[in-house]
Amino acid sequence: MKIVGFWIFLAAEVVLFSTLFATYIVLQTHTSGGPTPKDLFNVKEFMTETFILLISSFTCGLGTLELRRHNVKGLVAWFIVTLLLGLSFVGMEAHEFYDYVVNEHATMSTSAFLSGFFTLVGTHGCHVSLGILWMLSIVVQLGKRGITAVTARKAFIVGLYWHFLDVMWIFILQ
């Protein structure tokens, strides 16, 4: 039942992100004379962020494989690699936001487009940050208790959540 409850939670998250995507799509042409997506978005930065996040999904999957093998050291090691990649992603995103605000003078109040953009991408970044904290807490539990029925379920669920965030990022890129 706990995993079913998590799937219900993910369904609610899909509704949240769907609403944010729809809002962004409607607002993306409303720039009020401010920067447009073409003015701001650097393909190299987005592709680097995407590569990092997709690699983190792969390493998370390798952690799940180690979970199935009941290899706590392998699971913890791959989750730590995933955490480091997640931190890199969030750091790059924060730097990107800083650059937009300081160098481009592009803030949420500049235009409807930027309001939608910062809300959508910022919400995703907050979710990745939450995922980092959540996975870190599970790594600590695995270090203390090893792989038990409870820690295995938690590791599996945080892996699902991490993959969900990767899928949402791919939709953001569209």
Protein backbone atom coordinates (compact mmCIF):
# COMPACT_ATOMS: atom_id res chain seq x y z
CA MET A 1 0.00 0.00 0.00
CA LYS A 2 2.87 2.39 0.66
CA ILE A 3 4.11 2.05 -2.91
CA VAL A 4 0.56 2.56 -4.20
CA GLY A 5 0.38 5.72 -2.10
CA PHE A 6 3.58 6.90 -3.71
CA TRP A 7 2.12 6.33 -7.20
CA ILE A 8 -0.85 8.49 -6.17
CA PHE A 9 1.60 11.16 -5.02
CA LEU A 10 3.38 10.97 -8.41
CA ALA A 11 0.03 11.34 -10.17
CA ALA A 12 -0.54 14.56 -8.21
CA GLU A 13 2.92 15.72 -9.22
CA VAL A 14 2.04 15.05 -12.87
CA VAL A 15 -1.01 17.29 -12.45
CA LEU A 16 1.15 20.02 -10.88
CA PHE A 17 3.75 19.92 -13.64
CA SER A 18 1.08 19.66 -16.35
CA THR A 19 -0.44 22.87 -15.05
CA LEU A 20 2.96 24.57 -15.00
CA PHE A 21 3.73 23.33 -18.54
CA ALA A 22 0.40 24.62 -19.83
CA THR A 23 0.96 27.99 -18.18
CA TYR A 24 4.46 28.26 -19.61
CA ILE A 25 3.27 27.34 -23.12
CA VAL A 26 0.60 30.02 -23.00
CA LEU A 27 2.98 32.67 -21.63
CA GLN A 28 6.13 31.94 -23.65
CA THR A 29 5.30 34.52 -26.34
CA HIS A 30 4.34 37.24 -23.83
CA THR A 31 7.71 38.91 -23.38
CA SER A 32 6.60 42.55 -22.95
CA GLY A 33 9.65 43.70 -24.87
CA GLY A 34 11.94 41.79 -22.51
CA PRO A 35 14.23 38.92 -23.32
CA THR A 36 12.76 36.10 -25.38
CA PRO A 37 13.61 32.41 -25.02
CA LYS A 38 16.07 32.76 -27.94
CA ASP A 39 17.79 35.67 -26.17
CA LEU A 40 18.31 33.77 -22.93
CA PHE A 41 18.63 30.08 -23.55
CA ASN A 42 22.09 28.74 -24.17
CA VAL A 43 21.86 25.33 -25.82
CA LYS A 44 25.24 24.27 -24.41
CA GLU A 45 24.11 24.98 -20.82
CA PHE A 46 20.78 23.19 -21.25
CA MET A 47 22.43 20.20 -22.88
CA THR A 48 25.04 20.00 -20.12
CA GLU A 49 22.33 20.14 -17.46
CA THR A 50 20.35 17.51 -19.36
CA PHE A 51 23.38 15.25 -19.73
CA ILE A 52 24.12 15.51 -16.00
CA LEU A 53 20.53 14.74 -15.03
CA LEU A 54 20.23 11.81 -17.44
CA ILE A 55 23.52 10.35 -16.23
CA SER A 56 22.21 10.71 -12.67
CA SER A 57 19.16 8.71 -13.69
CA PHE A 58 21.47 6.00 -15.03
CA THR A 59 23.53 5.93 -11.81
CA CYS A 60 20.33 5.81 -9.77
CA GLY A 61 19.27 2.81 -11.86
CA LEU A 62 22.62 1.17 -11.15
CA GLY A 63 21.90 1.74 -7.46
CA THR A 64 18.57 -0.02 -7.85
CA LEU A 65 20.36 -2.91 -9.56
CA GLU A 66 22.67 -3.16 -6.54
CA LEU A 67 19.59 -3.06 -4.30
CA ARG A 68 18.22 -6.10 -6.12
CA ARG A 69 21.59 -7.82 -5.58
CA HIS A 70 21.39 -6.92 -1.85
CA ASN A 71 24.73 -5.11 -2.17
CA VAL A 72 24.47 -2.24 0.30
CA LYS A 73 27.92 -0.84 -0.53
CA GLY A 74 27.13 -0.75 -4.24
CA LEU A 75 23.74 0.81 -3.62
CA VAL A 76 25.18 3.51 -1.38
CA ALA A 77 28.05 4.19 -3.78
CA TRP A 78 25.74 4.66 -6.78
CA PHE A 79 23.33 6.79 -4.76
CA ILE A 80 26.24 9.01 -3.70
CA VAL A 81 27.27 9.42 -7.35
CA THR A 82 23.63 10.26 -8.13
CA LEU A 83 23.61 12.83 -5.32
CA LEU A 84 26.77 14.49 -6.62
CA LEU A 85 25.31 14.70 -10.11
CA GLY A 86 22.06 16.09 -8.69
CA LEU A 87 24.01 18.73 -6.77
CA SER A 88 25.86 19.64 -9.97
CA PHE A 89 22.56 20.04 -11.79
CA VAL A 90 21.06 22.26 -9.07
CA GLY A 91 24.28 24.31 -8.93
CA MET A 92 24.23 24.88 -12.68
CA GLU A 93 20.56 25.83 -12.56
CA ALA A 94 21.13 28.28 -9.70
CA HIS A 95 24.06 29.82 -11.61
CA GLU A 96 21.89 30.10 -14.71
CA PHE A 97 19.13 31.86 -12.75
CA TYR A 98 21.69 34.19 -11.18
CA ASP A 99 23.08 35.01 -14.62
CA TYR A 100 19.61 35.75 -16.00
CA VAL A 101 18.78 38.08 -13.12
CA VAL A 102 22.12 39.89 -12.73
CA ASN A 103 23.47 40.00 -16.27
CA GLU A 104 20.31 39.92 -18.38
CA HIS A 105 18.03 41.77 -15.91
CA ALA A 106 15.49 39.01 -16.55
CA THR A 107 13.37 38.50 -13.44
CA MET A 108 9.96 37.02 -12.76
CA SER A 109 8.45 40.50 -12.93
CA THR A 110 10.04 41.37 -16.29
CA SER A 111 7.44 39.52 -18.35
CA ALA A 112 4.79 36.83 -18.26
CA PHE A 113 7.16 34.53 -20.16
CA LEU A 114 9.86 34.86 -17.50
CA SER A 115 7.30 34.42 -14.74
CA GLY A 116 6.20 31.14 -16.29
CA PHE A 117 9.77 30.06 -16.99
CA PHE A 118 11.12 30.75 -13.50
CA THR A 119 8.09 29.09 -11.93
CA LEU A 120 8.31 25.94 -14.04
CA VAL A 121 12.08 25.47 -13.94
CA GLY A 122 12.33 26.66 -10.34
CA THR A 123 9.67 24.17 -9.25
CA HIS A 124 11.61 21.40 -10.95
CA GLY A 125 14.82 22.56 -9.25
CA CYS A 126 13.08 22.57 -5.88
CA HIS A 127 11.90 19.02 -6.52
CA VAL A 128 15.44 17.94 -7.44
CA SER A 129 16.70 19.58 -4.23
CA LEU A 130 14.05 17.70 -2.24
CA GLY A 131 15.08 14.49 -4.02
CA ILE A 132 18.70 15.12 -3.02
CA LEU A 133 17.76 15.53 0.65
CA TRP A 134 15.47 12.51 0.50
CA MET A 135 18.10 10.29 -1.12
CA LEU A 136 20.73 11.52 1.32
CA SER A 137 18.52 10.54 4.26
CA ILE A 138 18.08 7.07 2.74
CA VAL A 139 21.85 6.72 2.25
CA VAL A 140 22.27 7.49 5.96
CA GLN A 141 19.61 4.89 6.85
CA LEU A 142 21.29 2.32 4.61
CA GLY A 143 24.60 3.05 6.31
CA LYS A 144 23.06 2.46 9.75
CA ARG A 145 20.66 -0.41 9.04
CA GLY A 146 21.78 -1.97 5.79
CA ILE A 147 19.22 -3.31 3.34
CA THR A 148 16.05 -4.26 5.16
CA ALA A 149 12.49 -4.51 3.89
CA VAL A 150 11.93 -0.90 4.96
CA THR A 151 15.15 0.60 3.57
CA ALA A 152 14.76 -1.37 0.34
CA ARG A 153 11.27 0.05 -0.18
CA LYS A 154 12.50 3.57 0.55
CA ALA A 155 15.46 3.20 -1.84
CA PHE A 156 13.17 1.88 -4.56
CA ILE A 157 10.67 4.72 -4.09
CA VAL A 158 13.30 7.48 -4.11
CA GLY A 159 14.63 5.94 -7.32
CA LEU A 160 11.17 6.18 -8.90
CA TYR A 161 10.97 9.80 -7.79
CA TRP A 162 14.39 10.57 -9.28
CA HIS A 163 13.41 9.03 -12.63
CA PHE A 164 10.17 11.02 -12.56
CA LEU A 165 12.20 14.24 -12.21
CA ASP A 166 14.29 13.26 -15.22
CA VAL A 167 11.16 12.72 -17.29
CA MET A 168 9.82 16.12 -16.22
CA TRP A 169 13.10 17.73 -17.30
CA ILE A 170 12.81 16.17 -20.74
CA PHE A 171 9.33 17.72 -21.03
CA ILE A 172 10.74 21.08 -19.95
CA LEU A 173 13.22 20.91 -22.82
CA GLN A 174 10.41 20.59 -25.35
